[in-house]
C-alpha atoms as a PDB file:
ATOM      1  CA  ARG A   1       9.333  -3.162 -24.378  1.00  0.00           C
ATOM      2  CA  TYR A   2       9.717  -6.672 -25.727  1.00  0.00           C
ATOM      3  CA  LEU A   3       7.290  -8.583 -27.944  1.00  0.00           C
ATOM      4  CA  LEU A   4       7.945 -12.309 -27.513  1.00  0.00           C
ATOM      5  CA  THR A   5       6.434 -14.990 -29.742  1.00  0.00           C
ATOM      6  CA  PHE A   6       6.569 -18.761 -29.236  1.00  0.00           C
ATOM      7  CA  ASP A   7       5.873 -21.687 -31.514  1.00  0.00           C
ATOM      8  CA  THR A   8       3.723 -24.036 -29.449  1.00  0.00           C
ATOM      9  CA  GLY A   9       2.967 -26.429 -32.272  1.00  0.00           C
ATOM     10  CA  PRO A  10       0.186 -26.683 -34.828  1.00  0.00           C
ATOM     11  CA  GLY A  11      -3.514 -26.520 -34.035  1.00  0.00           C
ATOM     12  CA  PRO A  12      -5.432 -26.936 -30.778  1.00  0.00           C
ATOM     13  CA  GLY A  13      -4.987 -29.784 -28.377  1.00  0.00           C
ATOM     14  CA  PRO A  14      -2.481 -31.025 -25.780  1.00  0.00           C
ATOM     15  CA  GLY A  15       1.043 -29.702 -25.739  1.00  0.00           C
ATOM     16  CA  ARG A  16       0.075 -26.097 -26.323  1.00  0.00           C
ATOM     17  CA  THR A  17       0.716 -24.829 -22.803  1.00  0.00           C
ATOM     18  CA  LEU A  18       3.392 -22.168 -22.375  1.00  0.00           C
ATOM     19  CA  GLU A  19       4.862 -21.692 -18.898  1.00  0.00           C
ATOM     20  CA  ALA A  20       6.757 -18.483 -18.116  1.00  0.00           C
ATOM     21  CA  ARG A  21       8.622 -17.726 -14.895  1.00  0.00           C
ATOM     22  CA  ILE A  22       9.341 -14.110 -14.021  1.00  0.00           C
ATOM     23  CA  ALA A  23      11.214 -12.716 -11.022  1.00  0.00           C
ATOM     24  CA  LEU A  24      11.787  -9.153  -9.891  1.00  0.00           C
ATOM     25  CA  SER A  25      14.444  -7.485  -7.761  1.00  0.00           C
ATOM     26  CA  THR A  26      14.962  -3.890  -6.689  1.00  0.00           C
ATOM     27  CA  VAL A  27      18.706  -4.599  -6.403  1.00  0.00           C
ATOM     28  CA  ASP A  28      20.160  -6.365  -9.452  1.00  0.00           C
ATOM     29  CA  VAL A  29      19.767  -9.147 -11.996  1.00  0.00           C
ATOM     30  CA  GLU A  30      21.500 -11.659  -9.742  1.00  0.00           C
ATOM     31  CA  GLY A  31      18.988 -10.871  -7.018  1.00  0.00           C
ATOM     32  CA  ALA A  32      16.160 -11.599  -9.439  1.00  0.00           C
ATOM     33  CA  ARG A  33      17.787 -14.908 -10.385  1.00  0.00           C
ATOM     34  CA  ARG A  34      18.056 -15.922  -6.731  1.00  0.00           C
ATOM     35  CA  ASN A  35      14.422 -14.982  -6.215  1.00  0.00           C
ATOM     36  CA  LEU A  36      13.479 -17.131  -9.214  1.00  0.00           C
ATOM     37  CA  ALA A  37      15.453 -20.073  -7.844  1.00  0.00           C
ATOM     38  CA  GLU A  38      13.302 -20.019  -4.713  1.00  0.00           C
ATOM     39  CA  ALA A  39      10.493 -21.582  -6.793  1.00  0.00           C
ATOM     40  CA  ALA A  40      12.704 -24.232  -8.410  1.00  0.00           C
ATOM     41  CA  GLY A  41      11.247 -27.711  -8.334  1.00  0.00           C
ATOM     42  CA  ARG A  42       7.648 -26.528  -8.030  1.00  0.00           C
ATOM     43  CA  ASP A  43       5.419 -26.706 -11.062  1.00  0.00           C
ATOM     44  CA  PHE A  44       2.582 -24.330 -11.898  1.00  0.00           C
ATOM     45  CA  ASP A  45      -0.136 -26.356 -10.163  1.00  0.00           C
ATOM     46  CA  ARG A  46       1.944 -26.674  -6.988  1.00  0.00           C
ATOM     47  CA  ILE A  47       2.605 -22.933  -6.856  1.00  0.00           C
ATOM     48  CA  ARG A  48      -1.046 -22.141  -7.525  1.00  0.00           C
ATOM     49  CA  ASN A  49      -2.173 -24.572  -4.823  1.00  0.00           C
ATOM     50  CA  ASP A  50       0.305 -23.090  -2.345  1.00  0.00           C
ATOM     51  CA  ALA A  51      -1.071 -19.622  -3.110  1.00  0.00           C
ATOM     52  CA  ASP A  52      -4.644 -20.843  -2.692  1.00  0.00           C
ATOM     53  CA  ALA A  53      -3.777 -22.342   0.688  1.00  0.00           C
ATOM     54  CA  LEU A  54      -2.084 -19.128   1.831  1.00  0.00           C
ATOM     55  CA  TRP A  55      -5.088 -17.009   0.845  1.00  0.00           C
ATOM     56  CA  ALA A  56      -7.498 -19.495   2.449  1.00  0.00           C
ATOM     57  CA  ASP A  57      -5.566 -19.160   5.713  1.00  0.00           C
ATOM     58  CA  HIS A  58      -5.643 -15.373   5.628  1.00  0.00           C
ATOM     59  CA  LEU A  59      -9.271 -14.985   4.578  1.00  0.00           C
ATOM     60  CA  SER A  60     -10.476 -17.488   7.180  1.00  0.00           C
ATOM     61  CA  ARG A  61      -9.122 -15.311   9.989  1.00  0.00           C
ATOM     62  CA  ILE A  62     -12.475 -13.510   9.917  1.00  0.00           C
ATOM     63  CA  GLU A  63     -15.616 -15.620   9.816  1.00  0.00           C
ATOM     64  CA  ILE A  64     -19.032 -14.196   8.950  1.00  0.00           C
ATOM     65  CA  THR A  65     -22.510 -15.602   8.483  1.00  0.00           C
ATOM     66  CA  ALA A  66     -24.336 -14.023   5.561  1.00  0.00           C
ATOM     67  CA  ASP A  67     -26.087 -14.751   2.296  1.00  0.00           C
ATOM     68  CA  PRO A  68     -23.839 -15.637  -0.701  1.00  0.00           C
ATOM     69  CA  ARG A  69     -23.870 -12.146  -2.195  1.00  0.00           C
ATOM     70  CA  ARG A  70     -22.824 -10.397   1.017  1.00  0.00           C
ATOM     71  CA  THR A  71     -20.267 -13.116   1.693  1.00  0.00           C
ATOM     72  CA  GLU A  72     -18.755 -12.555  -1.750  1.00  0.00           C
ATOM     73  CA  ILE A  73     -18.586  -8.798  -1.218  1.00  0.00           C
ATOM     74  CA  PHE A  74     -17.055  -9.172   2.234  1.00  0.00           C
ATOM     75  CA  TYR A  75     -14.297 -11.609   1.325  1.00  0.00           C
ATOM     76  CA  SER A  76     -13.507  -9.823  -1.938  1.00  0.00           C
ATOM     77  CA  SER A  77     -13.012  -6.659   0.098  1.00  0.00           C
ATOM     78  CA  LEU A  78     -10.983  -8.456   2.774  1.00  0.00           C
ATOM     79  CA  TYR A  79      -8.764  -9.874   0.019  1.00  0.00           C
ATOM     80  CA  ARG A  80      -8.048  -6.363  -1.235  1.00  0.00           C
ATOM     81  CA  THR A  81      -7.065  -5.109   2.217  1.00  0.00           C
ATOM     82  CA  LEU A  82      -4.335  -7.773   2.268  1.00  0.00           C
ATOM     83  CA  LEU A  83      -2.774  -7.150  -1.165  1.00  0.00           C
ATOM     84  CA  HIS A  84      -0.561  -4.366   0.163  1.00  0.00           C
ATOM     85  CA  PRO A  85       1.770  -3.437   1.745  1.00  0.00           C
ATOM     86  CA  SER A  86       3.769  -6.110  -0.071  1.00  0.00           C
ATOM     87  CA  ASN A  87       7.229  -7.393   0.749  1.00  0.00           C
ATOM     88  CA  ILE A  88       9.692  -6.304  -1.977  1.00  0.00           C
ATOM     89  CA  ALA A  89      12.896  -7.592  -0.347  1.00  0.00           C
ATOM     90  CA  ASP A  90      14.948 -10.191  -2.203  1.00  0.00           C
ATOM     91  CA  ILE A  91      15.072 -13.719  -0.822  1.00  0.00           C
ATOM     92  CA  ASP A  92      18.408 -12.810   0.825  1.00  0.00           C
ATOM     93  CA  GLY A  93      16.938  -9.675   2.438  1.00  0.00           C
ATOM     94  CA  ARG A  94      18.586  -7.118   0.159  1.00  0.00           C
ATOM     95  CA  VAL A  95      16.469  -4.210  -1.096  1.00  0.00           C
ATOM     96  CA  ARG A  96      17.025  -0.737  -2.470  1.00  0.00           C
ATOM     97  CA  GLY A  97      15.846   1.985  -0.135  1.00  0.00           C
ATOM     98  CA  PRO A  98      14.322   5.367  -0.988  1.00  0.00           C
ATOM     99  CA  ARG A  99      17.632   6.915  -2.085  1.00  0.00           C
ATOM    100  CA  GLY A 100      18.775   3.890  -4.057  1.00  0.00           C
ATOM    101  CA  GLN A 101      21.314   2.475  -1.607  1.00  0.00           C
ATOM    102  CA  VAL A 102      21.012  -1.229  -0.808  1.00  0.00           C
ATOM    103  CA  ILE A 103      19.611  -2.088   2.623  1.00  0.00           C
ATOM    104  CA  GLN A 104      19.879  -5.457   4.341  1.00  0.00           C
ATOM    105  CA  ALA A 105      16.323  -5.878   5.608  1.00  0.00           C
ATOM    106  CA  GLU A 106      15.937  -7.648   8.918  1.00  0.00           C
ATOM    107  CA  GLY A 107      13.966 -10.853   8.519  1.00  0.00           C
ATOM    108  CA  ALA A 108      14.096 -10.339   4.721  1.00  0.00           C
ATOM    109  CA  GLU A 109      11.047  -8.071   5.070  1.00  0.00           C
ATOM    110  CA  TYR A 110      10.785  -4.640   3.478  1.00  0.00           C
ATOM    111  CA  TYR A 111       7.294  -3.475   2.595  1.00  0.00           C
ATOM    112  CA  SER A 112       6.206  -1.098  -0.121  1.00  0.00           C
ATOM    113  CA  THR A 113       3.091   0.271  -1.723  1.00  0.00           C
ATOM    114  CA  LEU A 114       2.670   1.994   1.619  1.00  0.00           C
ATOM    115  CA  SER A 115      -0.281   4.212   0.706  1.00  0.00           C
ATOM    116  CA  LEU A 116      -0.296   5.444   4.283  1.00  0.00           C
ATOM    117  CA  TRP A 117      -2.640   8.412   3.892  1.00  0.00           C
ATOM    118  CA  ASP A 118      -5.275   5.970   2.657  1.00  0.00           C
ATOM    119  CA  THR A 119      -4.577   3.135   5.096  1.00  0.00           C
ATOM    120  CA  PHE A 120      -3.483   4.436   8.501  1.00  0.00           C
ATOM    121  CA  ARG A 121      -7.048   4.926   9.765  1.00  0.00           C
ATOM    122  CA  GLY A 122      -8.481   1.529   8.844  1.00  0.00           C
ATOM    123  CA  VAL A 123      -6.251  -0.974   7.076  1.00  0.00           C
ATOM    124  CA  HIS A 124      -3.293  -0.881   9.462  1.00  0.00           C
ATOM    125  CA  PRO A 125      -5.434  -1.244  12.611  1.00  0.00           C
ATOM    126  CA  LEU A 126      -7.172  -4.170  10.865  1.00  0.00           C
ATOM    127  CA  HIS A 127      -3.802  -5.762  10.125  1.00  0.00           C
ATOM    128  CA  THR A 128      -2.848  -5.612  13.809  1.00  0.00           C
ATOM    129  CA  LEU A 129      -5.837  -7.899  14.407  1.00  0.00           C
ATOM    130  CA  ILE A 130      -5.763 -10.353  11.492  1.00  0.00           C
ATOM    131  CA  VAL A 131      -2.113 -10.428  10.316  1.00  0.00           C
ATOM    132  CA  PRO A 132      -0.192  -9.403  13.445  1.00  0.00           C
ATOM    133  CA  GLU A 133       2.851 -11.327  12.209  1.00  0.00           C
ATOM    134  CA  ARG A 134       3.344  -8.622   9.557  1.00  0.00           C
ATOM    135  CA  VAL A 135       3.268  -5.621  11.898  1.00  0.00           C
ATOM    136  CA  PRO A 136       6.881  -5.687  13.205  1.00  0.00           C
ATOM    137  CA  GLY A 137       8.112  -5.833   9.602  1.00  0.00           C
ATOM    138  CA  TYR A 138       5.969  -2.825   8.732  1.00  0.00           C
ATOM    139  CA  ILE A 139       7.505  -0.773  11.529  1.00  0.00           C
ATOM    140  CA  ARG A 140      11.061  -1.893  10.754  1.00  0.00           C
ATOM    141  CA  THR A 141      10.436  -0.834   7.149  1.00  0.00           C
ATOM    142  CA  LEU A 142       9.273   2.622   8.250  1.00  0.00           C
ATOM    143  CA  ILE A 143      12.387   3.054  10.409  1.00  0.00           C
ATOM    144  CA  ALA A 144      14.753   1.834   7.661  1.00  0.00           C
ATOM    145  CA  HIS A 145      13.111   4.192   5.165  1.00  0.00           C
ATOM    146  CA  ALA A 146      13.564   7.117   7.563  1.00  0.00           C
ATOM    147  CA  ASP A 147      17.207   6.195   8.200  1.00  0.00           C
ATOM    148  CA  GLN A 148      17.945   6.558   4.477  1.00  0.00           C
ATOM    149  CA  GLN A 149      15.426   9.230   3.402  1.00  0.00           C
ATOM    150  CA  GLY A 150      15.763  11.381   6.522  1.00  0.00           C
ATOM    151  CA  TYR A 151      12.073  11.146   7.459  1.00  0.00           C
ATOM    152  CA  LEU A 152       9.296   8.592   7.585  1.00  0.00           C
ATOM    153  CA  PRO A 153       7.542   7.638   4.343  1.00  0.00           C
ATOM    154  CA  LEU A 154       4.378   9.311   3.103  1.00  0.00           C
ATOM    155  CA  TRP A 155       3.365   7.104   0.173  1.00  0.00           C
ATOM    156  CA  THR A 156       5.890   4.673  -1.309  1.00  0.00           C
ATOM    157  CA  ALA A 157       5.927   2.662  -4.519  1.00  0.00           C
ATOM    158  CA  TRP A 158       8.681   0.097  -5.211  1.00  0.00           C
ATOM    159  CA  GLY A 159      10.466   1.416  -2.126  1.00  0.00           C
ATOM    160  CA  ARG A 160      10.648   5.019  -3.341  1.00  0.00           C
ATOM    161  CA  GLU A 161       8.907   8.070  -1.938  1.00  0.00           C
ATOM    162  CA  THR A 162       6.240   9.553  -4.200  1.00  0.00           C
ATOM    163  CA  TRP A 163       5.405  12.528  -1.915  1.00  0.00           C
ATOM    164  CA  THR A 164       1.760  11.730  -2.580  1.00  0.00           C
ATOM    165  CA  MET A 165      -0.850  13.165  -0.172  1.00  0.00           C
ATOM    166  CA  ILE A 166      -0.241  15.025   3.074  1.00  0.00           C
ATOM    167  CA  GLY A 167       0.396  14.751   6.804  1.00  0.00           C
ATOM    168  CA  ASN A 168       2.699  12.265   8.519  1.00  0.00           C
ATOM    169  CA  PRO A 169       0.562   9.120   8.282  1.00  0.00           C
ATOM    170  CA  ALA A 170       3.369   6.741   9.284  1.00  0.00           C
ATOM    171  CA  MET A 171       3.241   8.267  12.784  1.00  0.00           C
ATOM    172  CA  PRO A 172      -0.113   6.794  13.892  1.00  0.00           C
ATOM    173  CA  VAL A 173       0.874   3.413  12.411  1.00  0.00           C
ATOM    174  CA  ILE A 174       3.905   3.350  14.729  1.00  0.00           C
ATOM    175  CA  ALA A 175       1.902   4.666  17.687  1.00  0.00           C
ATOM    176  CA  ASP A 176      -0.755   1.976  17.144  1.00  0.00           C
ATOM    177  CA  ALA A 177       1.878  -0.773  17.218  1.00  0.00           C
ATOM    178  CA  VAL A 178       3.463   0.660  20.375  1.00  0.00           C
ATOM    179  CA  ALA A 179       0.104   1.089  22.120  1.00  0.00           C
ATOM    180  CA  LYS A 180      -0.869  -2.520  21.336  1.00  0.00           C
ATOM    181  CA  GLY A 181       2.377  -3.904  22.734  1.00  0.00           C
ATOM    182  CA  PHE A 182       4.000  -5.151  19.532  1.00  0.00           C
ATOM    183  CA  THR A 183       7.669  -6.104  19.753  1.00  0.00           C
ATOM    184  CA  GLY A 184      10.235  -7.021  17.121  1.00  0.00           C
ATOM    185  CA  PHE A 185      11.347  -3.464  16.382  1.00  0.00           C
ATOM    186  CA  ASP A 186      13.460  -0.828  18.124  1.00  0.00           C
ATOM    187  CA  ARG A 187      11.064   1.547  19.887  1.00  0.00           C
ATOM    188  CA  GLN A 188      13.716   4.172  20.569  1.00  0.00           C
ATOM    189  CA  ALA A 189      14.730   4.137  16.895  1.00  0.00           C
ATOM    190  CA  ALA A 190      11.066   4.514  15.972  1.00  0.00           C
ATOM    191  CA  LEU A 191      10.703   7.536  18.265  1.00  0.00           C
ATOM    192  CA  ALA A 192      13.882   9.095  16.873  1.00  0.00           C
ATOM    193  CA  ALA A 193      12.535   8.684  13.329  1.00  0.00           C
ATOM    194  CA  MET A 194       9.258  10.300  14.360  1.00  0.00           C
ATOM    195  CA  ILE A 195      11.052  13.280  15.897  1.00  0.00           C
ATOM    196  CA  ARG A 196      13.206  13.814  12.789  1.00  0.00           C
ATOM    197  CA  THR A 197      10.084  13.617  10.638  1.00  0.00           C
ATOM    198  CA  ALA A 198       8.276  16.229  12.730  1.00  0.00           C
ATOM    199  CA  THR A 199      11.141  18.714  13.062  1.00  0.00           C
ATOM    200  CA  LEU A 200      13.654  18.615  10.202  1.00  0.00           C
ATOM    201  CA  PRO A 201      13.254  20.294   6.788  1.00  0.00           C
ATOM    202  CA  ARG A 202      12.796  18.228   3.637  1.00  0.00           C
ATOM    203  CA  PRO A 203      14.660  20.161   0.933  1.00  0.00           C
ATOM    204  CA  ASP A 204      14.322  17.322  -1.575  1.00  0.00           C
ATOM    205  CA  ALA A 205      10.512  17.353  -1.459  1.00  0.00           C
ATOM    206  CA  PRO A 206       8.636  19.015  -4.339  1.00  0.00           C
ATOM    207  CA  PRO A 207       7.253  22.534  -3.777  1.00  0.00           C
ATOM    208  CA  SER A 208       3.701  21.254  -3.320  1.00  0.00           C
ATOM    209  CA  ALA A 209       4.791  18.895  -0.532  1.00  0.00           C
ATOM    210  CA  HIS A 210       5.789  19.582   3.046  1.00  0.00           C
ATOM    211  CA  ARG A 211       9.299  21.062   3.031  1.00  0.00           C
ATOM    212  CA  SER A 212       9.638  23.044   6.267  1.00  0.00           C
ATOM    213  CA  TRP A 213       8.127  23.414   9.735  1.00  0.00           C
ATOM    214  CA  ASP A 214       8.887  27.158   9.917  1.00  0.00           C
ATOM    215  CA  LEU A 215       5.309  28.371   9.333  1.00  0.00           C
ATOM    216  CA  HIS A 216       3.934  25.827  11.802  1.00  0.00           C
ATOM    217  CA  GLU A 217       6.252  27.120  14.490  1.00  0.00           C
ATOM    218  CA  GLN A 218       5.790  30.817  13.680  1.00  0.00           C
ATOM    219  CA  PHE A 219       1.994  30.933  13.352  1.00  0.00           C
ATOM    220  CA  GLY A 220       0.689  27.644  14.755  1.00  0.00           C
ATOM    221  CA  TYR A 221      -0.916  27.084  11.346  1.00  0.00           C
ATOM    222  CA  ILE A 222       0.016  27.530   7.665  1.00  0.00           C
ATOM    223  CA  PRO A 223      -1.145  30.917   6.309  1.00  0.00           C
ATOM    224  CA  TYR A 224      -2.698  30.400   2.907  1.00  0.00           C
ATOM    225  CA  ASP A 225      -1.047  33.553   1.518  1.00  0.00           C
ATOM    226  CA  LEU A 226       2.419  32.161   2.336  1.00  0.00           C
ATOM    227  CA  ASP A 227       1.799  28.546   1.297  1.00  0.00           C
ATOM    228  CA  PRO A 228      -1.259  27.903  -0.880  1.00  0.00           C
ATOM    229  CA  HIS A 229      -0.958  24.103  -1.010  1.00  0.00           C
ATOM    230  CA  GLU A 230      -3.894  22.672   1.026  1.00  0.00           C
ATOM    231  CA  PRO A 231      -2.837  24.554   4.170  1.00  0.00           C
ATOM    232  CA  VAL A 232      -5.852  23.740   6.377  1.00  0.00           C
ATOM    233  CA  SER A 233      -5.820  20.032   5.630  1.00  0.00           C
ATOM    234  CA  ARG A 234      -2.058  19.799   6.034  1.00  0.00           C
ATOM    235  CA  VAL A 235      -2.077  21.432   9.458  1.00  0.00           C
ATOM    236  CA  LEU A 236      -4.934  19.282  10.741  1.00  0.00           C
ATOM    237  CA  GLU A 237      -3.356  16.066   9.486  1.00  0.00           C
ATOM    238  CA  ASP A 238       0.097  17.008  10.732  1.00  0.00           C
ATOM    239  CA  GLN A 239      -1.478  17.296  14.166  1.00  0.00           C
ATOM    240  CA  ILE A 240      -2.615  13.653  14.000  1.00  0.00           C
ATOM    241  CA  GLY A 241       1.063  12.802  13.612  1.00  0.00           C
ATOM    242  CA  ASP A 242       2.033  15.157  16.428  1.00  0.00           C
ATOM    243  CA  ALA A 243      -0.420  13.451  18.773  1.00  0.00           C
ATOM    244  CA  ALA A 244       0.933  10.042  17.778  1.00  0.00           C
ATOM    245  CA  LEU A 245       4.489  11.198  18.442  1.00  0.00           C
ATOM    246  CA  ALA A 246       3.454  12.552  21.833  1.00  0.00           C
ATOM    247  CA  ALA A 247       1.839   9.220  22.738  1.00  0.00           C
ATOM    248  CA  VAL A 248       4.942   7.208  21.833  1.00  0.00           C
ATOM    249  CA  ALA A 249       7.234   9.637  23.650  1.00  0.00           C
ATOM    250  CA  ARG A 250       5.092   9.408  26.787  1.00  0.00           C
ATOM    251  CA  THR A 251       5.097   5.610  26.626  1.00  0.00           C
ATOM    252  CA  LEU A 252       8.904   5.626  26.391  1.00  0.00           C
ATOM    253  CA  GLY A 253       9.287   8.092  29.258  1.00  0.00           C
ATOM    254  CA  ASP A 254      10.304  11.205  27.308  1.00  0.00           C
ATOM    255  CA  THR A 255       7.925  13.594  29.062  1.00  0.00           C
ATOM    256  CA  ALA A 256       9.417  16.782  27.620  1.00  0.00           C
ATOM    257  CA  MET A 257       9.038  15.572  24.044  1.00  0.00           C
ATOM    258  CA  ALA A 258       5.543  14.284  24.777  1.00  0.00           C
ATOM    259  CA  ASP A 259       4.459  17.660  26.169  1.00  0.00           C
ATOM    260  CA  ARG A 260       6.007  19.542  23.244  1.00  0.00           C
ATOM    261  CA  PHE A 261       4.102  17.614  20.586  1.00  0.00           C
ATOM    262  CA  ALA A 262       0.897  17.303  22.563  1.00  0.00           C
ATOM    263  CA  THR A 263       0.878  21.105  22.608  1.00  0.00           C
ATOM    264  CA  ARG A 264       1.458  21.258  18.870  1.00  0.00           C
ATOM    265  CA  ALA A 265      -1.328  18.726  18.294  1.00  0.00           C
ATOM    266  CA  ALA A 266      -3.739  20.941  20.225  1.00  0.00           C
ATOM    267  CA  ARG A 267      -3.407  24.032  18.003  1.00  0.00           C
ATOM    268  CA  TYR A 268      -6.355  23.190  15.767  1.00  0.00           C
ATOM    269  CA  PRO A 269      -8.629  25.796  17.449  1.00  0.00           C
ATOM    270  CA  LEU A 270      -6.530  28.438  15.662  1.00  0.00           C
ATOM    271  CA  LEU A 271      -8.272  27.341  12.438  1.00  0.00           C
ATOM    272  CA  PHE A 272     -11.787  27.083  13.887  1.00  0.00           C
ATOM    273  CA  ASP A 273     -14.024  29.918  12.722  1.00  0.00           C
ATOM    274  CA  PRO A 274     -16.807  30.350  15.332  1.00  0.00           C
ATOM    275  CA  GLU A 275     -19.058  32.123  12.835  1.00  0.00           C
ATOM    276  CA  THR A 276     -19.188  29.324  10.238  1.00  0.00           C
ATOM    277  CA  ARG A 277     -18.282  26.682  12.852  1.00  0.00           C
ATOM    278  CA  THR A 278     -15.771  25.095  10.485  1.00  0.00           C
ATOM    279  CA  MET A 279     -12.018  24.832  10.060  1.00  0.00           C
ATOM    280  CA  ARG A 280     -11.211  27.741   7.759  1.00  0.00           C
ATOM    281  CA  GLY A 281      -8.118  29.123   6.061  1.00  0.00           C
ATOM    282  CA  ARG A 282      -6.322  32.099   7.596  1.00  0.00           C
ATOM    283  CA  ASP A 283      -3.706  34.414   6.171  1.00  0.00           C
ATOM    284  CA  SER A 284      -0.512  35.643   7.807  1.00  0.00           C
ATOM    285  CA  LYS A 285      -2.387  38.560   9.390  1.00  0.00           C
ATOM    286  CA  GLY A 286      -4.920  36.234  11.015  1.00  0.00           C
ATOM    287  CA  SER A 287      -7.818  37.107   8.695  1.00  0.00           C
ATOM    288  CA  TRP A 288     -10.184  34.362   7.529  1.00  0.00           C
ATOM    289  CA  ARG A 289     -10.247  33.407   3.869  1.00  0.00           C
ATOM    290  CA  ALA A 290     -12.925  35.297   1.943  1.00  0.00           C
ATOM    291  CA  PRO A 291     -15.020  34.617   0.017  1.00  0.00           C
ATOM    292  CA  PHE A 292     -15.652  31.261   1.665  1.00  0.00           C
ATOM    293  CA  ASP A 293     -18.017  28.396   0.906  1.00  0.00           C
ATOM    294  CA  PRO A 294     -17.707  25.637   3.546  1.00  0.00           C
ATOM    295  CA  VAL A 295     -19.293  22.981   1.339  1.00  0.00           C
ATOM    296  CA  MET A 296     -17.114  23.521  -1.719  1.00  0.00           C
ATOM    297  CA  ALA A 297     -14.509  20.790  -1.956  1.00  0.00           C
ATOM    298  CA  THR A 298     -11.021  21.512  -3.217  1.00  0.00           C
ATOM    299  CA  SER A 299      -8.505  19.126  -4.729  1.00  0.00           C
ATOM    300  CA  PRO A 300      -4.870  19.753  -5.644  1.00  0.00           C
ATOM    301  CA  LEU A 301      -5.302  18.332  -9.154  1.00  0.00           C
ATOM    302  CA  ASN A 302      -8.555  20.078 -10.098  1.00  0.00           C
ATOM    303  CA  ASN A 303      -9.325  23.217  -8.091  1.00  0.00           C
ATOM    304  CA  PRO A 304      -6.507  23.822  -5.604  1.00  0.00           C
ATOM    305  CA  GLY A 305      -7.460  25.364  -2.294  1.00  0.00           C
ATOM    306  CA  ASP A 306      -7.308  24.904   1.455  1.00  0.00           C
ATOM    307  CA  TYR A 307      -8.473  21.285   1.573  1.00  0.00           C
ATOM    308  CA  THR A 308      -7.379  17.902   0.240  1.00  0.00           C
ATOM    309  CA  GLU A 309     -10.151  16.184  -1.733  1.00  0.00           C
ATOM    310  CA  ALA A 310     -12.737  17.442   0.751  1.00  0.00           C
ATOM    311  CA  ASN A 311     -14.476  20.534   2.097  1.00  0.00           C
ATOM    312  CA  ALA A 312     -14.413  22.563   5.294  1.00  0.00           C
ATOM    313  CA  TYR A 313     -17.156  20.558   6.994  1.00  0.00           C
ATOM    314  CA  GLN A 314     -15.374  17.271   6.414  1.00  0.00           C
ATOM    315  CA  TYR A 315     -12.014  18.502   7.637  1.00  0.00           C
ATOM    316  CA  THR A 316     -13.553  20.119  10.697  1.00  0.00           C
ATOM    317  CA  LEU A 317     -13.885  16.614  12.146  1.00  0.00           C
ATOM    318  CA  THR A 318     -10.193  15.751  11.712  1.00  0.00           C
ATOM    319  CA  PRO A 319      -9.245  16.392  15.381  1.00  0.00           C
ATOM    320  CA  ALA A 320     -11.714  13.665  16.383  1.00  0.00           C
ATOM    321  CA  LEU A 321      -9.003  11.180  15.428  1.00  0.00           C
ATOM    322  CA  HIS A 322      -6.733  12.288  18.281  1.00  0.00           C
ATOM    323  CA  ASP A 323      -8.708  14.678  20.539  1.00  0.00           C
ATOM    324  CA  PRO A 324     -12.452  13.922  20.379  1.00  0.00           C
ATOM    325  CA  ARG A 325     -13.227  15.508  23.749  1.00  0.00           C
ATOM    326  CA  GLY A 326     -11.355  18.664  22.818  1.00  0.00           C
ATOM    327  CA  LEU A 327     -13.277  18.932  19.557  1.00  0.00           C
ATOM    328  CA  VAL A 328     -16.615  18.494  21.341  1.00  0.00           C
ATOM    329  CA  ASP A 329     -15.671  21.216  23.824  1.00  0.00           C
ATOM    330  CA  LEU A 330     -14.604  23.506  20.960  1.00  0.00           C
ATOM    331  CA  MET A 331     -18.051  23.032  19.406  1.00  0.00           C
ATOM    332  CA  GLY A 332     -19.782  24.064  22.643  1.00  0.00           C
ATOM    333  CA  GLY A 333     -20.344  20.716  24.355  1.00  0.00           C
ATOM    334  CA  PRO A 334     -22.208  17.483  23.549  1.00  0.00           C
ATOM    335  CA  VAL A 335     -25.607  19.044  22.740  1.00  0.00           C
ATOM    336  CA  ALA A 336     -24.131  21.646  20.406  1.00  0.00           C
ATOM    337  CA  PHE A 337     -21.879  19.044  18.839  1.00  0.00           C
ATOM    338  CA  GLU A 338     -24.808  16.715  18.191  1.00  0.00           C
ATOM    339  CA  ALA A 339     -26.682  19.557  16.496  1.00  0.00           C
ATOM    340  CA  TRP A 340     -23.608  20.292  14.364  1.00  0.00           C
ATOM    341  CA  LEU A 341     -23.392  16.634  13.314  1.00  0.00           C
ATOM    342  CA  ASP A 342     -27.086  16.626  12.354  1.00  0.00           C
ATOM    343  CA  HIS A 343     -26.521  19.735  10.217  1.00  0.00           C
ATOM    344  CA  PHE A 344     -23.399  18.247   8.677  1.00  0.00           C
END
């Protein structure tokens, strides 16, 4: 930590403005210097005005009619959806990947603060509509991360994996881009990264994270007595990724791979308890977790259990993201499902 002091002259008045210029690089000091040089010749007001113009362009891509208070809330929220992912590549395209080796990022774009568990459902689909020019760079980043890490990212900060949260949330981001016809990335490379992510072990992951697919393949779910780390939530969210993989494989003509992962994505009934009508933990002998309170939420940091920051009722709806008709049928049809929703 540095404490810097500057003599800006005596008393208040003109001439007491201090301007500081700071640049960052994931690679080296020379990279930071080159990044700093990119702003050479532009003073503070010019840079601020350029930033204002850029934000005005982005925020004007959605127009609403509302009173001032609602308008303020809406555009403040829209602004926050666009803060991240952010491009951390140097001006020359160099960036350090998840294992520390330097990558030459295509188009000088490599995005981080990929909080994918939080953003794959809403933020990334929004970005395909309002900042479509970013989407190919997002997907190229995911592929480049997988090429170095061995699997797609879960939640990255400064280009490094944090192993935060669960599932394979990069999968539906890729599937969304493929389904909407985006180009500018290698679709076969994307599919290969998805397959590695859904099949290979991750020995470098911490014990609380996903390290192996063995229990998935043996039981079709994760028995809570063999792996106590949020097993119900992890299985249900992994199946979102499986369905996304199946969709991409089918689009690219790999029918065998599509069928394999569509089958794996459809195993959620193994966790559906018809008595409580919720997704419930099971042990390696097939017995339901007992005692069981379907409205008690569990969280890995506070009261670890079968669910991730939620309860059984909330996670019961997870398959609606990839198989809504199958979930309705599992619940007994539309009338029974509507009654369940009213109770929920």
